């Protein structure tokens, strides 16, 4: 990895967790899938995904 964030995401993936990128944010920041880590998942809108998970009973944890 060439960045601190890339290293952190890589460690998260190695722990068995899944990482999803918000395509709205990617578009706004002019990022492409080719520039992302290969094991990332993608969702059209991160906030909509979070709200949907919360409605299913998932909890949101923040440091």
Protein backbone atom coordinates (compact mmCIF):
# COMPACT_ATOMS: atom_id res chain seq x y z
CA UNK A 1 0.00 0.00 0.00
CA UNK A 2 1.14 3.51 -0.74
CA UNK A 3 -0.99 5.33 1.82
CA UNK A 4 -1.93 5.23 5.47
CA UNK A 5 -5.59 4.80 4.57
CA UNK A 6 -4.75 2.00 2.13
CA UNK A 7 -2.77 0.24 4.86
CA UNK A 8 -5.65 0.56 7.32
CA UNK A 9 -8.14 -0.78 4.79
CA UNK A 10 -5.79 -3.65 3.96
CA UNK A 11 -5.51 -4.55 7.65
CA UNK A 12 -9.29 -4.41 8.00
CA UNK A 13 -9.75 -6.75 5.04
CA UNK A 14 -7.15 -9.15 6.45
CA UNK A 15 -9.11 -9.30 9.72
CA UNK A 16 -12.05 -10.78 7.83
CA UNK A 17 -14.20 -7.64 7.72
CA UNK A 18 -15.70 -6.36 4.50
CA UNK A 19 -15.10 -2.84 3.20
CA UNK A 20 -17.54 -1.02 0.92
CA UNK A 21 -16.89 2.23 -0.91
CA UNK A 22 -19.60 4.79 -1.60
CA UNK A 23 -19.86 5.39 -5.34
CA UNK A 24 -21.31 8.89 -4.77
CA UNK A 25 -18.19 9.88 -2.83
CA UNK A 26 -15.96 8.21 -5.39
CA UNK A 27 -17.57 10.27 -8.19
CA UNK A 28 -17.29 13.50 -6.18
CA UNK A 29 -13.59 12.84 -5.53
CA UNK A 30 -12.96 11.61 -9.08
CA UNK A 31 -11.91 8.14 -7.92
CA UNK A 32 -12.31 5.01 -10.02
CA UNK A 33 -12.60 1.35 -9.10
CA UNK A 34 -9.24 0.78 -10.77
CA UNK A 35 -7.64 3.02 -8.14
CA UNK A 36 -9.25 1.16 -5.25
CA UNK A 37 -8.15 -2.00 -3.49
CA UNK A 38 -9.30 -5.10 -5.35
CA UNK A 39 -11.28 -6.62 -2.48
CA UNK A 40 -13.48 -3.58 -1.82
CA UNK A 41 -17.21 -3.83 -2.33
CA UNK A 42 -19.23 -0.91 -3.68
CA UNK A 43 -22.59 0.63 -2.83
CA UNK A 44 -24.33 3.40 -4.80
CA UNK A 45 -24.89 5.60 -1.72
CA UNK A 46 -23.22 4.90 1.62
CA UNK A 47 -25.76 6.75 3.75
CA UNK A 48 -28.65 4.81 2.18
CA UNK A 49 -26.79 1.55 2.86
CA UNK A 50 -26.24 2.52 6.51
CA UNK A 51 -29.89 3.49 7.00
CA UNK A 52 -31.03 0.21 5.44
CA UNK A 53 -28.74 -1.82 7.73
CA UNK A 54 -29.98 0.08 10.79
CA UNK A 55 -33.59 -0.70 9.82
CA UNK A 56 -32.57 -4.38 9.73
CA UNK A 57 -31.31 -4.10 13.31
CA UNK A 58 -27.62 -3.49 12.68
CA UNK A 59 -25.82 -1.12 15.04
CA UNK A 60 -23.52 1.73 14.02
CA UNK A 61 -20.34 2.01 16.06
CA UNK A 62 -18.22 5.11 16.04
CA UNK A 63 -14.83 5.52 17.68
